[in-house]
PDB file of N, CA and C in Angstrom:
ATOM      1  N   UNK A   1       2.582 -10.844   7.492  1.00  0.00           N
ATOM      2  CA  UNK A   1       3.527  -9.602   7.911  1.00  0.00           C
ATOM      3  C   UNK A   1       3.343  -8.490   6.521  1.00  0.00           C
ATOM      4  N   UNK A   2       3.295  -9.187   5.484  1.00  0.00           N
ATOM      5  CA  UNK A   2       3.074  -8.879   4.468  1.00  0.00           C
ATOM      6  C   UNK A   2       1.388  -8.082   3.938  1.00  0.00           C
ATOM      7  N   UNK A   3       0.599  -9.049   4.907  1.00  0.00           N
ATOM      8  CA  UNK A   3      -0.969  -8.359   4.556  1.00  0.00           C
ATOM      9  C   UNK A   3      -0.793  -7.312   5.518  1.00  0.00           C
ATOM     10  N   UNK A   4      -0.311  -7.276   6.853  1.00  0.00           N
ATOM     11  CA  UNK A   4      -0.318  -6.041   7.556  1.00  0.00           C
ATOM     12  C   UNK A   4      -0.039  -4.598   6.914  1.00  0.00           C
ATOM     13  N   UNK A   5       1.398  -4.979   6.051  1.00  0.00           N
ATOM     14  CA  UNK A   5       2.167  -4.062   5.171  1.00  0.00           C
ATOM     15  C   UNK A   5       1.428  -3.567   4.114  1.00  0.00           C
ATOM     16  N   UNK A   6       0.612  -3.905   3.517  1.00  0.00           N
ATOM     17  CA  UNK A   6      -0.689  -3.516   2.091  1.00  0.00           C
ATOM     18  C   UNK A   6      -1.875  -3.510   2.854  1.00  0.00           C
ATOM     19  N   UNK A   7      -1.822  -3.196   3.847  1.00  0.00           N
ATOM     20  CA  UNK A   7      -3.234  -2.575   4.385  1.00  0.00           C
ATOM     21  C   UNK A   7      -3.574  -1.270   4.337  1.00  0.00           C
ATOM     22  N   UNK A   8      -2.817  -0.072   4.179  1.00  0.00           N
ATOM     23  CA  UNK A   8      -3.391   1.000   3.904  1.00  0.00           C
ATOM     24  C   UNK A   8      -3.419   1.330   2.199  1.00  0.00           C
ATOM     25  N   UNK A   9      -2.860   0.370   1.891  1.00  0.00           N
ATOM     26  CA  UNK A   9      -2.525   0.673  -0.071  1.00  0.00           C
ATOM     27  C   UNK A   9      -3.851   0.101  -0.360  1.00  0.00           C
ATOM     28  N   UNK A  10      -4.454  -0.976   0.449  1.00  0.00           N
ATOM     29  CA  UNK A  10      -5.909  -1.869   0.004  1.00  0.00           C
ATOM     30  C   UNK A  10      -7.189  -0.915   0.500  1.00  0.00           C
ATOM     31  N   UNK A  11      -6.778  -0.174   1.740  1.00  0.00           N
ATOM     32  CA  UNK A  11      -7.931   0.478   2.049  1.00  0.00           C
ATOM     33  C   UNK A  11      -8.012   1.597   1.091  1.00  0.00           C
ATOM     34  N   UNK A  12      -7.274   2.320   0.597  1.00  0.00           N
ATOM     35  CA  UNK A  12      -7.425   3.228  -0.993  1.00  0.00           C
ATOM     36  C   UNK A  12      -7.565   2.598  -1.666  1.00  0.00           C
ATOM     37  N   UNK A  13      -6.953   1.880  -2.369  1.00  0.00           N
ATOM     38  CA  UNK A  13      -7.745   0.922  -3.754  1.00  0.00           C
ATOM     39  C   UNK A  13      -9.094   0.653  -3.648  1.00  0.00           C
ATOM     40  N   UNK A  14      -9.567  -0.224  -2.160  1.00  0.00           N
ATOM     41  CA  UNK A  14     -10.905  -0.208  -2.525  1.00  0.00           C
ATOM     42  C   UNK A  14     -11.740   0.380  -2.671  1.00  0.00           C
ATOM     43  N   UNK A  15     -11.752   1.784  -1.638  1.00  0.00           N
ATOM     44  CA  UNK A  15     -12.221   2.687  -2.095  1.00  0.00           C
ATOM     45  C   UNK A  15     -12.506   3.206  -3.248  1.00  0.00           C
ATOM     46  N   UNK A  16     -11.112   3.640  -3.881  1.00  0.00           N
ATOM     47  CA  UNK A  16     -11.174   4.301  -5.117  1.00  0.00           C
ATOM     48  C   UNK A  16     -11.473   3.777  -6.549  1.00  0.00           C
ATOM     49  N   UNK A  17     -11.155   1.924  -6.516  1.00  0.00           N
ATOM     50  CA  UNK A  17     -10.874   1.011  -7.565  1.00  0.00           C
ATOM     51  C   UNK A  17     -12.612   1.171  -8.280  1.00  0.00           C
ATOM     52  N   UNK A  18     -13.163   0.945  -7.742  1.00  0.00           N
ATOM     53  CA  UNK A  18     -14.971   0.571  -8.676  1.00  0.00           C
ATOM     54  C   UNK A  18     -15.201   2.055  -9.004  1.00  0.00           C
ATOM     55  N   UNK A  19     -14.587   3.276  -8.509  1.00  0.00           N
ATOM     56  CA  UNK A  19     -14.996   4.369  -9.286  1.00  0.00           C
ATOM     57  C   UNK A  19     -14.653   4.783 -10.279  1.00  0.00           C
ATOM     58  N   UNK A  20     -13.050   4.454 -10.313  1.00  0.00           N
ATOM     59  CA  UNK A  20     -12.405   4.573 -11.367  1.00  0.00           C
ATOM     60  C   UNK A  20     -12.312   3.592 -12.200  1.00  0.00           C
ATOM     61  N   UNK A  21     -12.749   2.746 -12.161  1.00  0.00           N
ATOM     62  CA  UNK A  21     -13.363   1.531 -13.073  1.00  0.00           C
ATOM     63  C   UNK A  21     -14.623   2.091 -13.914  1.00  0.00           C
ATOM     64  N   UNK A  22     -15.630   2.240 -13.115  1.00  0.00           N
ATOM     65  CA  UNK A  22     -16.644   3.182 -13.653  1.00  0.00           C
ATOM     66  C   UNK A  22     -16.586   3.906 -14.391  1.00  0.00           C
ATOM     67  N   UNK A  23     -15.595   5.110 -14.160  1.00  0.00           N
ATOM     68  CA  UNK A  23     -15.096   5.903 -15.216  1.00  0.00           C
ATOM     69  C   UNK A  23     -14.593   5.736 -16.011  1.00  0.00           C
ATOM     70  N   UNK A  24     -13.398   4.713 -15.920  1.00  0.00           N
ATOM     71  CA  UNK A  24     -12.895   4.754 -17.136  1.00  0.00           C
ATOM     72  C   UNK A  24     -14.112   3.691 -18.101  1.00  0.00           C
ATOM     73  N   UNK A  25     -14.744   3.012 -17.763  1.00  0.00           N
ATOM     74  CA  UNK A  25     -15.394   2.593 -18.801  1.00  0.00           C
ATOM     75  C   UNK A  25     -16.702   3.593 -19.773  1.00  0.00           C
ATOM     76  N   UNK A  26     -17.011   4.486 -18.946  1.00  0.00           N
ATOM     77  CA  UNK A  26     -17.458   5.687 -18.877  1.00  0.00           C
ATOM     78  C   UNK A  26     -16.973   6.251 -19.920  1.00  0.00           C
ATOM     79  N   UNK A  27     -15.824   6.639 -19.736  1.00  0.00           N
ATOM     80  CA  UNK A  27     -15.212   7.246 -20.490  1.00  0.00           C
ATOM     81  C   UNK A  27     -14.885   6.825 -22.236  1.00  0.00           C
ATOM     82  N   UNK A  28     -14.429   5.506 -22.169  1.00  0.00           N
ATOM     83  CA  UNK A  28     -14.346   4.659 -22.857  1.00  0.00           C
ATOM     84  C   UNK A  28     -15.488   4.468 -24.053  1.00  0.00           C
ATOM     85  N   UNK A  29     -16.740   4.322 -23.156  1.00  0.00           N
ATOM     86  CA  UNK A  29     -18.033   4.184 -23.720  1.00  0.00           C
ATOM     87  C   UNK A  29     -18.665   5.281 -24.851  1.00  0.00           C
ATOM     88  N   UNK A  30     -17.644   6.936 -24.620  1.00  0.00           N
ATOM     89  CA  UNK A  30     -18.317   7.687 -25.255  1.00  0.00           C
ATOM     90  C   UNK A  30     -17.137   8.286 -26.450  1.00  0.00           C
ATOM     91  N   UNK A  31     -17.133   7.770 -27.672  1.00  0.00           N
ATOM     92  CA  UNK A  31     -16.075   7.912 -28.790  1.00  0.00           C
ATOM     93  C   UNK A  31     -14.945   7.099 -27.930  1.00  0.00           C
ATOM     94  N   UNK A  32     -14.065   7.314 -28.519  1.00  0.00           N
ATOM     95  CA  UNK A  32     -12.683   6.655 -28.800  1.00  0.00           C
ATOM     96  C   UNK A  32     -11.758   6.948 -27.337  1.00  0.00           C
ATOM     97  N   UNK A  33     -12.393   7.138 -26.329  1.00  0.00           N
ATOM     98  CA  UNK A  33     -12.033   6.975 -25.085  1.00  0.00           C
ATOM     99  C   UNK A  33     -10.323   6.560 -24.664  1.00  0.00           C
ATOM    100  N   UNK A  34      -9.721   6.963 -23.672  1.00  0.00           N
ATOM    101  CA  UNK A  34      -8.304   6.573 -23.527  1.00  0.00           C
ATOM    102  C   UNK A  34      -8.388   5.585 -22.508  1.00  0.00           C
ATOM    103  N   UNK A  35      -8.095   4.023 -22.443  1.00  0.00           N
ATOM    104  CA  UNK A  35      -8.685   2.857 -21.721  1.00  0.00           C
ATOM    105  C   UNK A  35      -7.463   3.662 -20.506  1.00  0.00           C
ATOM    106  N   UNK A  36      -6.691   4.628 -20.380  1.00  0.00           N
ATOM    107  CA  UNK A  36      -5.865   4.540 -19.258  1.00  0.00           C
ATOM    108  C   UNK A  36      -6.467   4.541 -17.465  1.00  0.00           C
ATOM    109  N   UNK A  37      -7.607   5.266 -18.078  1.00  0.00           N
ATOM    110  CA  UNK A  37      -8.128   5.368 -16.813  1.00  0.00           C
ATOM    111  C   UNK A  37      -8.884   3.717 -16.231  1.00  0.00           C
ATOM    112  N   UNK A  38      -9.275   2.972 -17.049  1.00  0.00           N
ATOM    113  CA  UNK A  38      -9.718   1.719 -16.757  1.00  0.00           C
ATOM    114  C   UNK A  38      -8.903   0.917 -16.168  1.00  0.00           C
ATOM    115  N   UNK A  39      -7.457   1.301 -16.808  1.00  0.00           N
ATOM    116  CA  UNK A  39      -6.238   0.262 -16.482  1.00  0.00           C
ATOM    117  C   UNK A  39      -5.990   0.553 -15.216  1.00  0.00           C
ATOM    118  N   UNK A  40      -5.892   2.102 -14.483  1.00  0.00           N
ATOM    119  CA  UNK A  40      -5.667   2.320 -13.374  1.00  0.00           C
ATOM    120  C   UNK A  40      -6.302   1.775 -12.285  1.00  0.00           C
ATOM    121  N   UNK A  41      -7.597   1.531 -12.741  1.00  0.00           N
ATOM    122  CA  UNK A  41      -8.857   0.712 -11.844  1.00  0.00           C
ATOM    123  C   UNK A  41      -8.265  -0.616 -11.449  1.00  0.00           C
ATOM    124  N   UNK A  42      -8.263  -0.963 -12.774  1.00  0.00           N
ATOM    125  CA  UNK A  42      -8.153  -2.775 -12.655  1.00  0.00           C
ATOM    126  C   UNK A  42      -6.619  -2.756 -11.909  1.00  0.00           C
ATOM    127  N   UNK A  43      -5.816  -1.970 -12.119  1.00  0.00           N
ATOM    128  CA  UNK A  43      -4.401  -2.148 -10.948  1.00  0.00           C
ATOM    129  C   UNK A  43      -4.772  -2.124  -9.758  1.00  0.00           C
ATOM    130  N   UNK A  44      -5.973  -1.122  -9.022  1.00  0.00           N
ATOM    131  CA  UNK A  44      -5.791  -0.767  -7.847  1.00  0.00           C
ATOM    132  C   UNK A  44      -6.573  -2.001  -7.425  1.00  0.00           C
ATOM    133  N   UNK A  45      -7.783  -2.553  -8.203  1.00  0.00           N
ATOM    134  CA  UNK A  45      -8.670  -3.655  -7.886  1.00  0.00           C
ATOM    135  C   UNK A  45      -7.708  -4.987  -7.511  1.00  0.00           C
ATOM    136  N   UNK A  46      -6.775  -4.716  -8.422  1.00  0.00           N
ATOM    137  CA  UNK A  46      -5.930  -6.042  -8.498  1.00  0.00           C
ATOM    138  C   UNK A  46      -5.641  -6.288  -6.939  1.00  0.00           C
ATOM    139  N   UNK A  47      -4.902  -4.615  -6.549  1.00  0.00           N
ATOM    140  CA  UNK A  47      -4.605  -4.848  -5.141  1.00  0.00           C
ATOM    141  C   UNK A  47      -5.532  -5.570  -4.135  1.00  0.00           C
ATOM    142  N   UNK A  48      -7.014  -5.300  -3.707  1.00  0.00           N
ATOM    143  CA  UNK A  48      -7.592  -5.983  -3.008  1.00  0.00           C
ATOM    144  C   UNK A  48      -7.753  -7.186  -3.786  1.00  0.00           C
ATOM    145  N   UNK A  49      -7.445  -7.616  -4.305  1.00  0.00           N
ATOM    146  CA  UNK A  49      -7.761  -8.743  -4.942  1.00  0.00           C
ATOM    147  C   UNK A  49      -6.570  -9.488  -4.316  1.00  0.00           C
ATOM    148  N   UNK A  50      -5.408  -9.443  -4.208  1.00  0.00           N
ATOM    149  CA  UNK A  50      -3.906 -10.032  -3.786  1.00  0.00           C
ATOM    150  C   UNK A  50      -4.710  -9.788  -2.231  1.00  0.00           C
ATOM    151  N   UNK A  51      -5.014  -8.754  -1.467  1.00  0.00           N
ATOM    152  CA  UNK A  51      -5.198  -8.680  -0.300  1.00  0.00           C
ATOM    153  C   UNK A  51      -6.328  -9.980   0.346  1.00  0.00           C
ATOM    154  N   UNK A  52      -7.369 -10.516  -0.813  1.00  0.00           N
ATOM    155  CA  UNK A  52      -7.917 -11.266  -0.303  1.00  0.00           C
ATOM    156  C   UNK A  52      -7.314 -12.666  -0.306  1.00  0.00           C
ATOM    157  N   UNK A  53      -6.300 -12.550  -1.733  1.00  0.00           N
ATOM    158  CA  UNK A  53      -5.397 -14.029  -1.532  1.00  0.00           C
ATOM    159  C   UNK A  53      -4.829 -14.177  -0.252  1.00  0.00           C
ATOM    160  N   UNK A  54      -4.168 -13.169  -0.120  1.00  0.00           N
ATOM    161  CA  UNK A  54      -3.175 -13.136   0.939  1.00  0.00           C
ATOM    162  C   UNK A  54      -4.035 -13.234   2.541  1.00  0.00           C
ATOM    163  N   UNK A  55      -5.117 -13.189   2.538  1.00  0.00           N
ATOM    164  CA  UNK A  55      -5.756 -13.393   3.963  1.00  0.00           C
ATOM    165  C   UNK A  55      -6.185 -14.634   4.121  1.00  0.00           C
ATOM    166  N   UNK A  56      -6.280 -15.250   3.268  1.00  0.00           N
ATOM    167  CA  UNK A  56      -6.693 -16.460   3.561  1.00  0.00           C
ATOM    168  C   UNK A  56      -5.981 -17.918   4.254  1.00  0.00           C
ATOM    169  N   UNK A  57      -4.489 -17.944   4.229  1.00  0.00           N
ATOM    170  CA  UNK A  57      -4.218 -18.424   5.181  1.00  0.00           C
ATOM    171  C   UNK A  57      -4.346 -17.993   6.666  1.00  0.00           C
ATOM    172  N   UNK A  58      -4.633 -16.517   6.689  1.00  0.00           N
ATOM    173  CA  UNK A  58      -4.542 -16.125   8.014  1.00  0.00           C
ATOM    174  C   UNK A  58      -6.319 -16.327   8.509  1.00  0.00           C
ATOM    175  N   UNK A  59      -6.959 -15.969   7.596  1.00  0.00           N
ATOM    176  CA  UNK A  59      -8.248 -16.825   8.199  1.00  0.00           C
ATOM    177  C   UNK A  59      -8.463 -18.100   8.689  1.00  0.00           C
ATOM    178  N   UNK A  60      -7.916 -19.107   8.095  1.00  0.00           N
ATOM    179  CA  UNK A  60      -7.532 -20.553   8.541  1.00  0.00           C
ATOM    180  C   UNK A  60      -7.098 -20.571   9.635  1.00  0.00           C
ATOM    181  N   UNK A  61      -5.550 -20.247   9.797  1.00  0.00           N
ATOM    182  CA  UNK A  61      -5.070 -20.287  11.234  1.00  0.00           C
ATOM    183  C   UNK A  61      -6.046 -19.872  12.018  1.00  0.00           C
ATOM    184  N   UNK A  62      -6.909 -18.304  12.020  1.00  0.00           N
ATOM    185  CA  UNK A  62      -7.881 -18.216  12.767  1.00  0.00           C
ATOM    186  C   UNK A  62      -8.507 -19.267  13.443  1.00  0.00           C
ATOM    187  N   UNK A  63      -9.015 -19.602  12.245  1.00  0.00           N
ATOM    188  CA  UNK A  63     -10.311 -20.857  12.553  1.00  0.00           C
ATOM    189  C   UNK A  63      -9.556 -21.936  13.654  1.00  0.00           C
ATOM    190  N   UNK A  64      -8.615 -22.441  12.830  1.00  0.00           N
ATOM    191  CA  UNK A  64      -7.516 -23.550  13.759  1.00  0.00           C
ATOM    192  C   UNK A  64      -7.668 -23.351  14.984  1.00  0.00           C
ATOM    193  N   UNK A  65      -6.804 -22.133  15.288  1.00  0.00           N
ATOM    194  CA  UNK A  65      -6.379 -21.499  16.690  1.00  0.00           C
ATOM    195  C   UNK A  65      -7.770 -21.384  17.505  1.00  0.00           C
ATOM    196  N   UNK A  66      -8.971 -21.048  16.736  1.00  0.00           N
ATOM    197  CA  UNK A  66     -10.306 -20.874  17.821  1.00  0.00           C
ATOM    198  C   UNK A  66     -10.629 -22.896  18.108  1.00  0.00           C
ATOM    199  N   UNK A  67     -10.566 -23.447  17.315  1.00  0.00           N
ATOM    200  CA  UNK A  67     -10.407 -24.984  17.361  1.00  0.00           C
ATOM    201  C   UNK A  67      -9.945 -25.003  18.519  1.00  0.00           C
ATOM    202  N   UNK A  68      -8.264 -24.648  18.219  1.00  0.00           N
ATOM    203  CA  UNK A  68      -7.527 -25.296  19.377  1.00  0.00           C
ATOM    204  C   UNK A  68      -8.245 -24.958  20.826  1.00  0.00           C
ATOM    205  N   UNK A  69      -8.233 -23.818  20.631  1.00  0.00           N
ATOM    206  CA  UNK A  69      -8.613 -23.129  22.149  1.00  0.00           C
ATOM    207  C   UNK A  69     -10.274 -23.996  22.727  1.00  0.00           C
ATOM    208  N   UNK A  70     -10.934 -24.253  21.834  1.00  0.00           N
ATOM    209  CA  UNK A  70     -12.239 -25.177  21.960  1.00  0.00           C
ATOM    210  C   UNK A  70     -11.887 -26.331  23.114  1.00  0.00           C
ATOM    211  N   UNK A  71     -10.676 -26.811  21.911  1.00  0.00           N
ATOM    212  CA  UNK A  71     -10.206 -27.948  22.689  1.00  0.00           C
ATOM    213  C   UNK A  71      -9.817 -28.173  23.880  1.00  0.00           C
ATOM    214  N   UNK A  72      -8.804 -26.831  24.360  1.00  0.00           N
ATOM    215  CA  UNK A  72      -8.161 -26.758  25.853  1.00  0.00           C
ATOM    216  C   UNK A  72      -8.941 -26.351  27.010  1.00  0.00           C
ATOM    217  N   UNK A  73      -9.730 -26.085  26.387  1.00  0.00           N
ATOM    218  CA  UNK A  73     -10.936 -25.064  27.386  1.00  0.00           C
ATOM    219  C   UNK A  73     -11.891 -26.056  28.120  1.00  0.00           C
ATOM    220  N   UNK A  74     -12.299 -27.034  26.677  1.00  0.00           N
ATOM    221  CA  UNK A  74     -13.343 -27.926  27.220  1.00  0.00           C
ATOM    222  C   UNK A  74     -15.051 -27.429  27.483  1.00  0.00           C
ATOM    223  N   UNK A  75     -14.936 -26.138  26.868  1.00  0.00           N
ATOM    224  CA  UNK A  75     -16.299 -25.308  27.393  1.00  0.00           C
ATOM    225  C   UNK A  75     -17.692 -26.079  26.491  1.00  0.00           C
ATOM    226  N   UNK A  76     -17.177 -26.531  25.395  1.00  0.00           N
ATOM    227  CA  UNK A  76     -18.156 -27.270  24.521  1.00  0.00           C
ATOM    228  C   UNK A  76     -18.507 -29.051  24.816  1.00  0.00           C
ATOM    229  N   UNK A  77     -19.274 -29.258  24.205  1.00  0.00           N
ATOM    230  CA  UNK A  77     -19.750 -30.855  24.449  1.00  0.00           C
ATOM    231  C   UNK A  77     -19.093 -31.651  23.394  1.00  0.00           C
ATOM    232  N   UNK A  78     -19.427 -32.658  23.590  1.00  0.00           N
ATOM    233  CA  UNK A  78     -18.916 -33.282  22.074  1.00  0.00           C
ATOM    234  C   UNK A  78     -19.894 -32.996  20.743  1.00  0.00           C
ATOM    235  N   UNK A  79     -21.150 -32.932  21.118  1.00  0.00           N
ATOM    236  CA  UNK A  79     -21.856 -32.318  19.964  1.00  0.00           C
ATOM    237  C   UNK A  79     -21.949 -31.392  19.882  1.00  0.00           C
ATOM    238  N   UNK A  80     -21.628 -30.261  20.524  1.00  0.00           N
ATOM    239  CA  UNK A  80     -21.514 -28.713  20.247  1.00  0.00           C
ATOM    240  C   UNK A  80     -19.825 -28.479  19.511  1.00  0.00           C
ATOM    241  N   UNK A  81     -19.091 -29.428  20.299  1.00  0.00           N
ATOM    242  CA  UNK A  81     -17.738 -29.142  19.589  1.00  0.00           C
ATOM    243  C   UNK A  81     -17.743 -29.408  17.871  1.00  0.00           C
ATOM    244  N   UNK A  82     -18.632 -30.601  17.609  1.00  0.00           N
ATOM    245  CA  UNK A  82     -18.413 -31.303  16.352  1.00  0.00           C
ATOM    246  C   UNK A  82     -19.112 -30.282  15.620  1.00  0.00           C
ATOM    247  N   UNK A  83     -20.322 -29.292  15.823  1.00  0.00           N
ATOM    248  CA  UNK A  83     -20.871 -28.223  15.500  1.00  0.00           C
ATOM    249  C   UNK A  83     -19.764 -27.110  15.098  1.00  0.00           C
ATOM    250  N   UNK A  84     -19.431 -26.561  16.430  1.00  0.00           N
ATOM    251  CA  UNK A  84     -18.268 -25.650  16.387  1.00  0.00           C
ATOM    252  C   UNK A  84     -17.234 -25.679  15.084  1.00  0.00           C
ATOM    253  N   UNK A  85     -16.547 -26.695  15.080  1.00  0.00           N
ATOM    254  CA  UNK A  85     -15.678 -27.497  14.138  1.00  0.00           C
ATOM    255  C   UNK A  85     -16.316 -26.746  12.747  1.00  0.00           C
ATOM    256  N   UNK A  86     -17.389 -27.337  12.868  1.00  0.00           N
ATOM    257  CA  UNK A  86     -18.102 -27.421  11.025  1.00  0.00           C
ATOM    258  C   UNK A  86     -18.413 -25.689  10.741  1.00  0.00           C
ATOM    259  N   UNK A  87     -18.917 -25.004  11.951  1.00  0.00           N
ATOM    260  CA  UNK A  87     -19.181 -23.508  11.960  1.00  0.00           C
ATOM    261  C   UNK A  87     -17.908 -23.199  11.099  1.00  0.00           C
ATOM    262  N   UNK A  88     -16.509 -23.512  11.699  1.00  0.00           N
ATOM    263  CA  UNK A  88     -15.336 -22.533  11.948  1.00  0.00           C
ATOM    264  C   UNK A  88     -14.912 -22.557  10.128  1.00  0.00           C
ATOM    265  N   UNK A  89     -15.120 -24.185  10.170  1.00  0.00           N
ATOM    266  CA  UNK A  89     -14.677 -24.620   8.527  1.00  0.00           C
ATOM    267  C   UNK A  89     -15.341 -24.019   8.040  1.00  0.00           C
ATOM    268  N   UNK A  90     -16.810 -23.607   7.677  1.00  0.00           N
ATOM    269  CA  UNK A  90     -17.472 -23.000   7.062  1.00  0.00           C
ATOM    270  C   UNK A  90     -17.197 -21.441   6.827  1.00  0.00           C
ATOM    271  N   UNK A  91     -16.856 -20.997   7.938  1.00  0.00           N
ATOM    272  CA  UNK A  91     -16.528 -19.694   8.165  1.00  0.00           C
ATOM    273  C   UNK A  91     -15.248 -19.161   7.401  1.00  0.00           C
ATOM    274  N   UNK A  92     -13.928 -19.885   7.726  1.00  0.00           N
ATOM    275  CA  UNK A  92     -12.982 -19.770   6.469  1.00  0.00           C
ATOM    276  C   UNK A  92     -13.293 -20.035   5.142  1.00  0.00           C
ATOM    277  N   UNK A  93     -14.111 -20.944   4.675  1.00  0.00           N
ATOM    278  CA  UNK A  93     -14.405 -21.240   3.419  1.00  0.00           C
ATOM    279  C   UNK A  93     -15.177 -19.933   2.656  1.00  0.00           C
ATOM    280  N   UNK A  94     -15.761 -19.058   3.919  1.00  0.00           N
ATOM    281  CA  UNK A  94     -16.285 -17.875   2.903  1.00  0.00           C
ATOM    282  C   UNK A  94     -15.378 -16.980   2.714  1.00  0.00           C
ATOM    283  N   UNK A  95     -14.304 -16.920   3.052  1.00  0.00           N
ATOM    284  CA  UNK A  95     -12.991 -16.451   2.477  1.00  0.00           C
ATOM    285  C   UNK A  95     -12.239 -16.983   1.305  1.00  0.00           C
ATOM    286  N   UNK A  96     -12.441 -18.289   0.929  1.00  0.00           N
ATOM    287  CA  UNK A  96     -12.242 -18.416  -0.556  1.00  0.00           C
ATOM    288  C   UNK A  96     -12.995 -18.239  -1.371  1.00  0.00           C
ATOM    289  N   UNK A  97     -14.422 -18.076  -0.591  1.00  0.00           N
ATOM    290  CA  UNK A  97     -15.169 -17.404  -1.966  1.00  0.00           C
ATOM    291  C   UNK A  97     -15.385 -16.117  -2.021  1.00  0.00           C
ATOM    292  N   UNK A  98     -14.710 -15.564  -1.098  1.00  0.00           N
ATOM    293  CA  UNK A  98     -14.568 -14.250  -1.610  1.00  0.00           C
ATOM    294  C   UNK A  98     -13.600 -13.551  -2.515  1.00  0.00           C
ATOM    295  N   UNK A  99     -12.301 -15.114  -2.301  1.00  0.00           N
ATOM    296  CA  UNK A  99     -10.937 -14.401  -3.223  1.00  0.00           C
ATOM    297  C   UNK A  99     -11.195 -15.107  -4.498  1.00  0.00           C
ATOM    298  N   UNK A 100     -12.361 -16.098  -4.511  1.00  0.00           N
ATOM    299  CA  UNK A 100     -12.686 -16.691  -5.580  1.00  0.00           C
ATOM    300  C   UNK A 100     -13.532 -15.618  -6.790  1.00  0.00           C
ATOM    301  N   UNK A 101     -14.424 -14.823  -5.796  1.00  0.00           N
ATOM    302  CA  UNK A 101     -15.454 -13.804  -6.816  1.00  0.00           C
ATOM    303  C   UNK A 101     -14.265 -12.489  -7.042  1.00  0.00           C
ATOM    304  N   UNK A 102     -13.579 -12.362  -6.303  1.00  0.00           N
ATOM    305  CA  UNK A 102     -12.618 -10.785  -6.419  1.00  0.00           C
ATOM    306  C   UNK A 102     -11.748 -11.563  -7.298  1.00  0.00           C
ATOM    307  N   UNK A 103     -11.255 -12.586  -7.785  1.00  0.00           N
ATOM    308  CA  UNK A 103     -10.634 -12.776  -8.677  1.00  0.00           C
ATOM    309  C   UNK A 103     -11.205 -13.103 -10.379  1.00  0.00           C
ATOM    310  N   UNK A 104     -12.686 -13.251  -9.824  1.00  0.00           N
ATOM    311  CA  UNK A 104     -13.142 -13.486 -11.355  1.00  0.00           C
ATOM    312  C   UNK A 104     -13.620 -11.733 -11.793  1.00  0.00           C
ATOM    313  N   UNK A 105     -13.731 -11.021 -11.100  1.00  0.00           N
ATOM    314  CA  UNK A 105     -14.503 -10.048 -11.055  1.00  0.00           C
ATOM    315  C   UNK A 105     -12.883  -9.196 -12.320  1.00  0.00           C
ATOM    316  N   UNK A 106     -11.917  -9.362 -11.387  1.00  0.00           N
ATOM    317  CA  UNK A 106     -10.746  -9.240 -11.891  1.00  0.00           C
ATOM    318  C   UNK A 106     -10.535  -9.487 -13.356  1.00  0.00           C
ATOM    319  N   UNK A 107     -10.698 -10.679 -13.096  1.00  0.00           N
ATOM    320  CA  UNK A 107     -10.366 -11.284 -14.794  1.00  0.00           C
ATOM    321  C   UNK A 107     -11.366 -10.329 -16.015  1.00  0.00           C
ATOM    322  N   UNK A 108     -13.037 -10.291 -15.255  1.00  0.00           N
ATOM    323  CA  UNK A 108     -13.838  -9.608 -16.111  1.00  0.00           C
ATOM    324  C   UNK A 108     -13.395  -8.421 -16.651  1.00  0.00           C
ATOM    325  N   UNK A 109     -12.836  -7.737 -15.645  1.00  0.00           N
ATOM    326  CA  UNK A 109     -12.325  -6.516 -15.704  1.00  0.00           C
ATOM    327  C   UNK A 109     -11.410  -5.987 -16.836  1.00  0.00           C
ATOM    328  N   UNK A 110     -10.439  -7.082 -16.818  1.00  0.00           N
ATOM    329  CA  UNK A 110      -9.508  -7.435 -17.618  1.00  0.00           C
ATOM    330  C   UNK A 110      -9.678  -7.410 -19.320  1.00  0.00           C
ATOM    331  N   UNK A 111     -10.872  -8.368 -19.416  1.00  0.00           N
ATOM    332  CA  UNK A 111     -11.399  -8.599 -20.512  1.00  0.00           C
ATOM    333  C   UNK A 111     -11.886  -7.562 -21.114  1.00  0.00           C
ATOM    334  N   UNK A 112     -12.483  -6.617 -19.883  1.00  0.00           N
ATOM    335  CA  UNK A 112     -13.293  -5.531 -20.886  1.00  0.00           C
ATOM    336  C   UNK A 112     -11.901  -4.742 -21.387  1.00  0.00           C
ATOM    337  N   UNK A 113     -11.067  -4.284 -20.681  1.00  0.00           N
ATOM    338  CA  UNK A 113      -9.849  -3.863 -20.870  1.00  0.00           C
ATOM    339  C   UNK A 113      -9.513  -3.921 -22.278  1.00  0.00           C
ATOM    340  N   UNK A 114      -9.160  -5.219 -22.477  1.00  0.00           N
ATOM    341  CA  UNK A 114      -8.362  -5.875 -23.380  1.00  0.00           C
ATOM    342  C   UNK A 114      -9.514  -5.760 -24.954  1.00  0.00           C
ATOM    343  N   UNK A 115     -10.907  -6.118 -24.621  1.00  0.00           N
ATOM    344  CA  UNK A 115     -11.364  -5.901 -25.799  1.00  0.00           C
ATOM    345  C   UNK A 115     -12.134  -4.383 -26.102  1.00  0.00           C
ATOM    346  N   UNK A 116     -11.409  -3.041 -25.313  1.00  0.00           N
ATOM    347  CA  UNK A 116     -11.910  -2.011 -25.485  1.00  0.00           C
ATOM    348  C   UNK A 116     -10.837  -1.436 -26.004  1.00  0.00           C
ATOM    349  N   UNK A 117      -9.617  -1.750 -25.308  1.00  0.00           N
ATOM    350  CA  UNK A 117      -8.111  -1.196 -25.717  1.00  0.00           C
ATOM    351  C   UNK A 117      -7.779  -1.589 -27.362  1.00  0.00           C
ATOM    352  N   UNK A 118      -8.536  -2.390 -27.972  1.00  0.00           N
ATOM    353  CA  UNK A 118      -8.022  -2.568 -29.410  1.00  0.00           C
ATOM    354  C   UNK A 118      -8.944  -2.032 -30.183  1.00  0.00           C
ATOM    355  N   UNK A 119      -9.892  -1.439 -29.787  1.00  0.00           N
ATOM    356  CA  UNK A 119     -10.787  -0.947 -30.806  1.00  0.00           C
ATOM    357  C   UNK A 119     -10.219   0.576 -31.335  1.00  0.00           C
TER     358      UNK A 119
END
């Protein structure tokens, strides 16, 4: 439910965050620019990061439901079933990698902000 509620905010923030962060870094690079623009971009990016983390249980559940469907319909052989199970596991894990990458990028932006806001 939370995931569905924040979809509109994520759509806006994912479209704007990178441009605002770029503008914030650019303005800070020229003279003693105000880091507020960068902070706004970081907050927007944090919304998308939160979304990737919230999405993890949904994706793992989707893979589990797909596996149960394969079990109940018997449309795969024993070998195919094992391969499908492995593929579904790795498909769900791609979302873990995306969440970790987003979190690492968020930390990087925060470190840039902290380093520049002290100058």
